[in-house]
Amino acid sequence: MAAVLLVGLAVGVFVASRDFPSGFGNSPGAAFFPRLIVSIIALLAGVLFVWSVVSSENRTYDVSATDAGRFAVPVVLLVVYVALMPILGFIIDTVAFLVVLTLYSGVESYWRSGALAVGLSLALHYAFGEFLHIPLPEGSLVSVARWLPSLPLSGVV
């Protein structure tokens, strides 16, 4: 079943990437990398499907409520993270998400969790927002990114 879902995902990405711009000259264009990745995923899904059909081993798994919870909590946190992104903005939302996720994962120190979250959020902000000039959501409540200094990167990119 998982192999069929993965092939469906690959087909969906192929269809979605048909409107991506083509490259200039000999460059492959924006659709090349996503299509390469989903082609590999589809190939491996095909191998998984053939292996599961040929294999005579019958596999069943019992999923306990605890196991389901271990899966559901990060998924819910990720959905909340994405839903709050336009409201809180990238930096505040990412810090809050990382703090909660690291504490859920077993990090016992609030200080370590907070320092990791702030450091990683700022590093991502500067890498994508300042260096690569990829706009990140600022948030409708407060924009922390406007208070941060710009990096002196003129002429680098």
N, C-alpha and C. Protein backbone atom coordinates (compact mmCIF):
# COMPACT_ATOMS: atom_id res chain seq x y z
N MET A 1 0.82 -1.19 0.00
CA MET A 1 0.00 0.00 0.00
C MET A 1 0.87 1.27 0.00
N ALA A 2 1.95 1.23 0.78
CA ALA A 2 2.83 2.40 0.84
C ALA A 2 3.46 2.68 -0.52
N ALA A 3 3.79 1.62 -1.26
CA ALA A 3 4.40 1.80 -2.57
C ALA A 3 3.44 2.51 -3.53
N VAL A 4 2.17 2.15 -3.47
CA VAL A 4 1.17 2.78 -4.33
C VAL A 4 1.02 4.26 -3.97
N LEU A 5 1.02 4.58 -2.68
CA LEU A 5 0.92 5.98 -2.25
C LEU A 5 2.14 6.78 -2.71
N LEU A 6 3.31 6.18 -2.62
CA LEU A 6 4.52 6.88 -3.05
C LEU A 6 4.52 7.13 -4.56
N VAL A 7 4.06 6.17 -5.33
CA VAL A 7 3.96 6.38 -6.77
C VAL A 7 2.94 7.48 -7.06
N GLY A 8 1.83 7.49 -6.32
CA GLY A 8 0.85 8.56 -6.48
C GLY A 8 1.43 9.92 -6.16
N LEU A 9 2.24 9.99 -5.11
CA LEU A 9 2.93 11.24 -4.77
C LEU A 9 3.86 11.67 -5.90
N ALA A 10 4.59 10.72 -6.45
CA ALA A 10 5.52 11.03 -7.54
C ALA A 10 4.77 11.57 -8.76
N VAL A 11 3.66 10.94 -9.09
CA VAL A 11 2.86 11.41 -10.23
C VAL A 11 2.33 12.81 -9.96
N GLY A 12 1.88 13.05 -8.72
CA GLY A 12 1.37 14.37 -8.36
C GLY A 12 2.43 15.46 -8.48
N VAL A 13 3.65 15.16 -8.05
CA VAL A 13 4.73 16.15 -8.15
C VAL A 13 5.10 16.37 -9.61
N PHE A 14 5.10 15.31 -10.40
CA PHE A 14 5.38 15.47 -11.83
C PHE A 14 4.35 16.39 -12.48
N VAL A 15 3.09 16.16 -12.17
CA VAL A 15 2.03 16.99 -12.75
C VAL A 15 2.15 18.43 -12.26
N ALA A 16 2.41 18.61 -10.96
CA ALA A 16 2.52 19.96 -10.40
C ALA A 16 3.72 20.71 -10.95
N SER A 17 4.76 20.00 -11.33
CA SER A 17 5.98 20.67 -11.80
C SER A 17 5.96 20.96 -13.29
N ARG A 18 4.90 20.63 -13.98
CA ARG A 18 4.87 20.88 -15.42
C ARG A 18 4.84 22.37 -15.76
N ASP A 19 4.40 23.20 -14.81
CA ASP A 19 4.34 24.64 -15.06
C ASP A 19 5.59 25.38 -14.57
N PHE A 20 6.58 24.63 -14.06
CA PHE A 20 7.80 25.28 -13.60
C PHE A 20 8.54 25.84 -14.81
N PRO A 21 9.25 26.95 -14.62
CA PRO A 21 9.96 27.54 -15.76
C PRO A 21 11.12 26.66 -16.21
N SER A 22 11.38 26.69 -17.51
CA SER A 22 12.51 25.95 -18.04
C SER A 22 13.78 26.77 -17.87
N GLY A 23 14.90 26.11 -17.91
CA GLY A 23 16.18 26.78 -17.72
C GLY A 23 16.64 27.51 -18.97
N PHE A 24 17.66 28.33 -18.81
CA PHE A 24 18.24 29.07 -19.92
C PHE A 24 19.45 28.31 -20.43
N GLY A 25 19.60 28.26 -21.72
CA GLY A 25 20.76 27.58 -22.30
C GLY A 25 20.75 26.10 -21.98
N ASN A 26 21.83 25.64 -21.35
CA ASN A 26 21.95 24.23 -21.01
C ASN A 26 21.52 23.91 -19.59
N SER A 27 21.01 24.91 -18.85
CA SER A 27 20.59 24.63 -17.48
C SER A 27 19.27 23.87 -17.50
N PRO A 28 19.08 22.95 -16.55
CA PRO A 28 17.91 22.07 -16.61
C PRO A 28 16.58 22.72 -16.22
N GLY A 29 16.58 23.79 -15.51
CA GLY A 29 15.33 24.43 -15.12
C GLY A 29 14.86 24.01 -13.74
N ALA A 30 13.81 24.67 -13.29
CA ALA A 30 13.33 24.48 -11.92
C ALA A 30 12.68 23.13 -11.70
N ALA A 31 12.15 22.49 -12.72
CA ALA A 31 11.45 21.22 -12.55
C ALA A 31 12.42 20.04 -12.47
N PHE A 32 13.67 20.22 -12.83
CA PHE A 32 14.60 19.10 -12.90
C PHE A 32 14.79 18.40 -11.57
N PHE A 33 15.15 19.14 -10.53
CA PHE A 33 15.47 18.51 -9.25
C PHE A 33 14.25 17.83 -8.62
N PRO A 34 13.07 18.48 -8.54
CA PRO A 34 11.92 17.76 -7.99
C PRO A 34 11.57 16.51 -8.79
N ARG A 35 11.67 16.59 -10.09
CA ARG A 35 11.36 15.43 -10.92
C ARG A 35 12.40 14.32 -10.75
N LEU A 36 13.65 14.69 -10.57
CA LEU A 36 14.68 13.69 -10.32
C LEU A 36 14.40 12.96 -9.01
N ILE A 37 14.09 13.71 -7.96
CA ILE A 37 13.83 13.11 -6.65
C ILE A 37 12.61 12.19 -6.71
N VAL A 38 11.51 12.65 -7.31
CA VAL A 38 10.31 11.80 -7.33
C VAL A 38 10.48 10.63 -8.29
N SER A 39 11.34 10.75 -9.28
CA SER A 39 11.64 9.59 -10.12
C SER A 39 12.35 8.51 -9.33
N ILE A 40 13.29 8.93 -8.50
CA ILE A 40 13.98 7.98 -7.64
C ILE A 40 13.01 7.37 -6.63
N ILE A 41 12.14 8.20 -6.06
CA ILE A 41 11.12 7.70 -5.12
C ILE A 41 10.20 6.69 -5.82
N ALA A 42 9.76 7.00 -7.03
CA ALA A 42 8.87 6.10 -7.76
C ALA A 42 9.59 4.79 -8.10
N LEU A 43 10.85 4.87 -8.49
CA LEU A 43 11.62 3.66 -8.78
C LEU A 43 11.74 2.78 -7.54
N LEU A 44 12.10 3.39 -6.42
CA LEU A 44 12.22 2.62 -5.17
C LEU A 44 10.88 2.10 -4.70
N ALA A 45 9.81 2.85 -4.94
CA ALA A 45 8.47 2.37 -4.59
C ALA A 45 8.10 1.17 -5.45
N GLY A 46 8.48 1.19 -6.72
CA GLY A 46 8.26 0.03 -7.58
C GLY A 46 9.01 -1.19 -7.08
N VAL A 47 10.25 -1.01 -6.67
CA VAL A 47 11.02 -2.10 -6.10
C VAL A 47 10.35 -2.62 -4.83
N LEU A 48 9.88 -1.71 -3.98
CA LEU A 48 9.18 -2.10 -2.76
C LEU A 48 7.91 -2.89 -3.08
N PHE A 49 7.17 -2.46 -4.09
CA PHE A 49 5.94 -3.15 -4.47
C PHE A 49 6.25 -4.56 -4.97
N VAL A 50 7.23 -4.68 -5.87
CA VAL A 50 7.60 -6.00 -6.40
C VAL A 50 8.09 -6.90 -5.27
N TRP A 51 8.91 -6.37 -4.39
CA TRP A 51 9.43 -7.15 -3.27
C TRP A 51 8.31 -7.63 -2.35
N SER A 52 7.32 -6.77 -2.12
CA SER A 52 6.21 -7.18 -1.24
C SER A 52 5.31 -8.21 -1.90
N VAL A 53 5.17 -8.18 -3.22
CA VAL A 53 4.37 -9.18 -3.92
C VAL A 53 5.10 -10.51 -3.98
N VAL A 54 6.38 -10.49 -4.28
CA VAL A 54 7.18 -11.70 -4.42
C VAL A 54 7.42 -12.37 -3.06
N SER A 55 7.60 -11.57 -2.04
CA SER A 55 7.90 -12.11 -0.71
C SER A 55 6.70 -12.87 -0.17
N SER A 56 6.98 -14.05 0.35
CA SER A 56 5.90 -14.87 0.92
C SER A 56 5.71 -14.58 2.41
N GLU A 57 6.54 -13.73 2.94
CA GLU A 57 6.46 -13.41 4.37
C GLU A 57 5.26 -12.50 4.63
N ASN A 58 4.42 -12.90 5.56
CA ASN A 58 3.25 -12.11 5.91
C ASN A 58 3.60 -11.25 7.12
N ARG A 59 3.52 -9.95 6.96
CA ARG A 59 3.90 -9.04 8.04
C ARG A 59 2.67 -8.31 8.56
N THR A 60 2.51 -8.36 9.85
CA THR A 60 1.47 -7.57 10.51
C THR A 60 2.10 -6.88 11.70
N TYR A 61 1.61 -5.72 11.99
CA TYR A 61 2.14 -4.94 13.10
C TYR A 61 0.99 -4.49 13.98
N ASP A 62 1.21 -4.57 15.27
CA ASP A 62 0.24 -4.03 16.22
C ASP A 62 0.70 -2.65 16.63
N VAL A 63 -0.16 -1.68 16.49
CA VAL A 63 0.16 -0.31 16.85
C VAL A 63 -0.62 0.02 18.12
N SER A 64 0.12 0.33 19.17
CA SER A 64 -0.52 0.66 20.44
C SER A 64 -0.93 2.13 20.44
N ALA A 65 -1.71 2.49 21.42
CA ALA A 65 -2.11 3.89 21.57
C ALA A 65 -0.90 4.77 21.85
N THR A 66 0.07 4.24 22.57
CA THR A 66 1.30 4.99 22.86
C THR A 66 2.07 5.27 21.57
N ASP A 67 2.18 4.26 20.72
CA ASP A 67 2.88 4.43 19.43
C ASP A 67 2.15 5.44 18.55
N ALA A 68 0.84 5.36 18.53
CA ALA A 68 0.06 6.30 17.73
C ALA A 68 0.24 7.72 18.26
N GLY A 69 0.30 7.86 19.57
CA GLY A 69 0.52 9.18 20.17
C GLY A 69 1.89 9.74 19.84
N ARG A 70 2.90 8.87 19.84
CA ARG A 70 4.25 9.31 19.49
C ARG A 70 4.32 9.82 18.06
N PHE A 71 3.48 9.27 17.20
CA PHE A 71 3.42 9.73 15.83
C PHE A 71 2.54 10.98 15.70
N ALA A 72 1.42 10.99 16.41
CA ALA A 72 0.43 12.06 16.25
C ALA A 72 0.90 13.39 16.81
N VAL A 73 1.61 13.37 17.93
CA VAL A 73 2.01 14.64 18.57
C VAL A 73 2.92 15.47 17.65
N PRO A 74 3.99 14.93 17.07
CA PRO A 74 4.79 15.75 16.15
C PRO A 74 4.02 16.20 14.91
N VAL A 75 3.11 15.35 14.43
CA VAL A 75 2.31 15.74 13.27
C VAL A 75 1.42 16.93 13.62
N VAL A 76 0.77 16.86 14.79
CA VAL A 76 -0.08 17.97 15.23
C VAL A 76 0.76 19.23 15.44
N LEU A 77 1.94 19.08 16.03
CA LEU A 77 2.83 20.23 16.23
C LEU A 77 3.21 20.85 14.89
N LEU A 78 3.48 20.02 13.90
CA LEU A 78 3.84 20.54 12.58
C LEU A 78 2.67 21.26 11.93
N VAL A 79 1.46 20.72 12.06
CA VAL A 79 0.27 21.38 11.50
C VAL A 79 0.04 22.73 12.18
N VAL A 80 0.19 22.78 13.50
CA VAL A 80 0.03 24.03 14.24
C VAL A 80 1.11 25.03 13.82
N TYR A 81 2.34 24.54 13.64
CA TYR A 81 3.45 25.39 13.20
C TYR A 81 3.14 26.06 11.86
N VAL A 82 2.66 25.27 10.92
CA VAL A 82 2.34 25.81 9.60
C VAL A 82 1.14 26.77 9.68
N ALA A 83 0.15 26.43 10.50
CA ALA A 83 -1.04 27.28 10.61
C ALA A 83 -0.73 28.63 11.26
N LEU A 84 0.22 28.65 12.19
CA LEU A 84 0.56 29.89 12.88
C LEU A 84 1.60 30.74 12.16
N MET A 85 2.22 30.19 11.12
CA MET A 85 3.28 30.91 10.42
C MET A 85 2.84 32.28 9.92
N PRO A 86 1.68 32.44 9.27
CA PRO A 86 1.30 33.78 8.80
C PRO A 86 1.00 34.75 9.93
N ILE A 87 0.65 34.24 11.09
CA ILE A 87 0.28 35.10 12.22
C ILE A 87 1.52 35.50 13.03
N LEU A 88 2.35 34.52 13.38
CA LEU A 88 3.51 34.79 14.23
C LEU A 88 4.77 35.15 13.45
N GLY A 89 4.84 34.74 12.21
CA GLY A 89 6.05 34.97 11.43
C GLY A 89 7.03 33.83 11.61
N PHE A 90 8.03 33.80 10.73
CA PHE A 90 8.97 32.69 10.70
C PHE A 90 9.76 32.56 12.00
N ILE A 91 10.33 33.63 12.49
CA ILE A 91 11.26 33.53 13.61
C ILE A 91 10.54 33.11 14.89
N ILE A 92 9.49 33.81 15.28
CA ILE A 92 8.78 33.49 16.53
C ILE A 92 8.16 32.10 16.44
N ASP A 93 7.55 31.78 15.32
CA ASP A 93 6.90 30.49 15.15
C ASP A 93 7.92 29.35 15.18
N THR A 94 9.06 29.53 14.52
CA THR A 94 10.08 28.50 14.50
C THR A 94 10.70 28.30 15.87
N VAL A 95 10.94 29.39 16.60
CA VAL A 95 11.47 29.26 17.96
C VAL A 95 10.49 28.48 18.83
N ALA A 96 9.22 28.85 18.80
CA ALA A 96 8.22 28.16 19.62
C ALA A 96 8.11 26.69 19.21
N PHE A 97 8.08 26.41 17.92
CA PHE A 97 7.98 25.04 17.44
C PHE A 97 9.17 24.20 17.89
N LEU A 98 10.37 24.74 17.72
CA LEU A 98 11.57 23.98 18.09
C LEU A 98 11.67 23.76 19.60
N VAL A 99 11.28 24.76 20.38
CA VAL A 99 11.31 24.59 21.84
C VAL A 99 10.36 23.47 22.25
N VAL A 100 9.14 23.52 21.77
CA VAL A 100 8.16 22.49 22.13
C VAL A 100 8.60 21.12 21.62
N LEU A 101 9.09 21.05 20.40
CA LEU A 101 9.49 19.77 19.83
C LEU A 101 10.70 19.18 20.55
N THR A 102 11.69 20.00 20.88
CA THR A 102 12.85 19.47 21.59
C THR A 102 12.49 19.03 23.00
N LEU A 103 11.62 19.78 23.66
CA LEU A 103 11.19 19.36 24.99
C LEU A 103 10.37 18.08 24.91
N TYR A 104 9.54 17.94 23.91
CA TYR A 104 8.78 16.70 23.72
C TYR A 104 9.71 15.54 23.42
N SER A 105 10.80 15.81 22.69
CA SER A 105 11.74 14.76 22.31
C SER A 105 12.64 14.31 23.45
N GLY A 106 12.61 15.01 24.56
CA GLY A 106 13.37 14.55 25.71
C GLY A 106 14.45 15.48 26.20
N VAL A 107 14.66 16.62 25.57
CA VAL A 107 15.64 17.57 26.08
C VAL A 107 15.09 18.14 27.38
N GLU A 108 15.83 18.00 28.45
CA GLU A 108 15.32 18.38 29.76
C GLU A 108 15.64 19.82 30.15
N SER A 109 16.59 20.42 29.48
CA SER A 109 17.00 21.78 29.82
C SER A 109 16.24 22.80 28.98
N TYR A 110 15.48 23.65 29.65
CA TYR A 110 14.77 24.72 28.93
C TYR A 110 15.77 25.67 28.29
N TRP A 111 16.87 25.90 28.99
CA TRP A 111 17.90 26.81 28.47
C TRP A 111 18.48 26.27 27.17
N ARG A 112 18.86 24.99 27.14
CA ARG A 112 19.41 24.39 25.93
C ARG A 112 18.40 24.40 24.79
N SER A 113 17.18 24.04 25.12
CA SER A 113 16.13 24.01 24.11
C SER A 113 15.91 25.40 23.52
N GLY A 114 15.85 26.41 24.37
CA GLY A 114 15.65 27.78 23.91
C GLY A 114 16.82 28.30 23.11
N ALA A 115 18.03 28.03 23.58
CA ALA A 115 19.22 28.49 22.87
C ALA A 115 19.33 27.84 21.50
N LEU A 116 19.05 26.55 21.43
CA LEU A 116 19.06 25.85 20.15
C LEU A 116 18.01 26.42 19.21
N ALA A 117 16.82 26.65 19.72
CA ALA A 117 15.72 27.16 18.89
C ALA A 117 16.02 28.56 18.37
N VAL A 118 16.49 29.44 19.23
CA VAL A 118 16.80 30.82 18.81
C VAL A 118 17.97 30.82 17.82
N GLY A 119 19.02 30.06 18.13
CA GLY A 119 20.18 30.02 17.24
C GLY A 119 19.85 29.47 15.86
N LEU A 120 19.10 28.37 15.83
CA LEU A 120 18.75 27.78 14.55
C LEU A 120 17.79 28.67 13.76
N SER A 121 16.84 29.28 14.45
CA SER A 121 15.90 30.17 13.77
C SER A 121 16.61 31.38 13.16
N LEU A 122 17.52 31.96 13.91
CA LEU A 122 18.27 33.11 13.38
C LEU A 122 19.19 32.70 12.24
N ALA A 123 19.83 31.54 12.37
CA ALA A 123 20.69 31.05 11.29
C ALA A 123 19.89 30.83 10.02
N LEU A 124 18.72 30.23 10.15
CA LEU A 124 17.87 30.01 8.98
C LEU A 124 17.37 31.34 8.40
N HIS A 125 17.03 32.28 9.28
CA HIS A 125 16.58 33.59 8.81
C HIS A 125 17.66 34.28 7.99
N TYR A 126 18.88 34.30 8.52
CA TYR A 126 19.96 34.96 7.80
C TYR A 126 20.36 34.19 6.53
N ALA A 127 20.36 32.85 6.59
CA ALA A 127 20.74 32.07 5.41
C ALA A 127 19.75 32.26 4.28
N PHE A 128 18.45 32.17 4.59
CA PHE A 128 17.45 32.26 3.53
C PHE A 128 17.01 33.70 3.26
N GLY A 129 16.73 34.44 4.30
CA GLY A 129 16.20 35.79 4.12
C GLY A 129 17.22 36.80 3.67
N GLU A 130 18.41 36.76 4.23
CA GLU A 130 19.42 37.77 3.93
C GLU A 130 20.38 37.31 2.83
N PHE A 131 20.92 36.11 2.96
CA PHE A 131 21.95 35.65 2.02
C PHE A 131 21.34 35.21 0.69
N LEU A 132 20.29 34.38 0.72
CA LEU A 132 19.69 33.87 -0.51
C LEU A 132 18.53 34.72 -1.01
N HIS A 133 18.14 35.71 -0.23
CA HIS A 133 17.04 36.63 -0.59
C HIS A 133 15.73 35.90 -0.88
N ILE A 134 15.45 34.89 -0.06
CA ILE A 134 14.18 34.18 -0.14
C ILE A 134 13.29 34.75 0.96
N PRO A 135 12.19 35.38 0.59
CA PRO A 135 11.35 36.01 1.63
C PRO A 135 10.72 34.96 2.55
N LEU A 136 10.80 35.24 3.83
CA LEU A 136 10.19 34.39 4.85
C LEU A 136 9.02 35.14 5.46
N PRO A 137 7.99 34.43 5.91
CA PRO A 137 6.82 35.10 6.48
C PRO A 137 7.20 35.96 7.69
N GLU A 138 6.70 37.20 7.70
CA GLU A 138 7.01 38.12 8.80
C GLU A 138 5.97 38.07 9.89
N GLY A 139 4.78 37.69 9.62
CA GLY A 139 3.75 37.61 10.64
C GLY A 139 2.90 38.86 10.69
N SER A 140 1.65 38.67 11.05
CA SER A 140 0.74 39.81 11.09
C SER A 140 0.70 40.48 12.46
N LEU A 141 1.17 39.81 13.52
CA LEU A 141 1.16 40.42 14.85
C LEU A 141 2.37 41.30 15.09
N VAL A 142 3.54 40.71 14.94
CA VAL A 142 4.78 41.45 15.16
C VAL A 142 5.84 40.87 14.23
N SER A 143 6.70 41.73 13.71
CA SER A 143 7.74 41.29 12.80
C SER A 143 9.11 41.43 13.48
N VAL A 144 9.61 40.33 13.99
CA VAL A 144 10.92 40.32 14.64
C VAL A 144 12.01 40.56 13.61
N ALA A 145 11.80 40.10 12.38
CA ALA A 145 12.81 40.23 11.34
C ALA A 145 13.16 41.69 11.06
N ARG A 146 12.22 42.59 11.23
CA ARG A 146 12.49 44.02 10.98
C ARG A 146 13.42 44.61 12.03
N TRP A 147 13.49 43.99 13.20
CA TRP A 147 14.35 44.50 14.27
C TRP A 147 15.77 43.96 14.17
N LEU A 148 15.98 42.94 13.36
CA LEU A 148 17.30 42.33 13.25
C LEU A 148 18.17 43.11 12.28
N PRO A 149 19.45 43.21 12.57
CA PRO A 149 20.35 43.92 11.64
C PRO A 149 20.56 43.12 10.36
N SER A 150 20.77 43.83 9.28
CA SER A 150 21.08 43.16 8.01
C SER A 150 22.54 42.78 8.00
N LEU A 151 22.84 41.76 7.22
CA LEU A 151 24.23 41.34 7.08
C LEU A 151 24.88 42.14 5.95
N PRO A 152 26.13 42.49 6.10
CA PRO A 152 26.83 43.23 5.03
C PRO A 152 27.25 42.28 3.91
N LEU A 153 26.27 41.90 3.08
CA LEU A 153 26.53 40.93 2.02
C LEU A 153 26.39 41.53 0.63
N SER A 154 26.47 42.83 0.50
CA SER A 154 26.30 43.44 -0.82
C SER A 154 27.39 42.97 -1.75
N GLY A 155 26.99 42.53 -2.92
CA GLY A 155 27.94 42.06 -3.91
C GLY A 155 28.32 40.60 -3.78
N VAL A 156 27.88 39.91 -2.73
CA VAL A 156 28.22 38.50 -2.57
C VAL A 156 27.35 37.63 -3.45
N VAL A 157 26.05 37.89 -3.45
CA VAL A 157 25.13 37.07 -4.24
C VAL A 157 24.58 37.90 -5.36
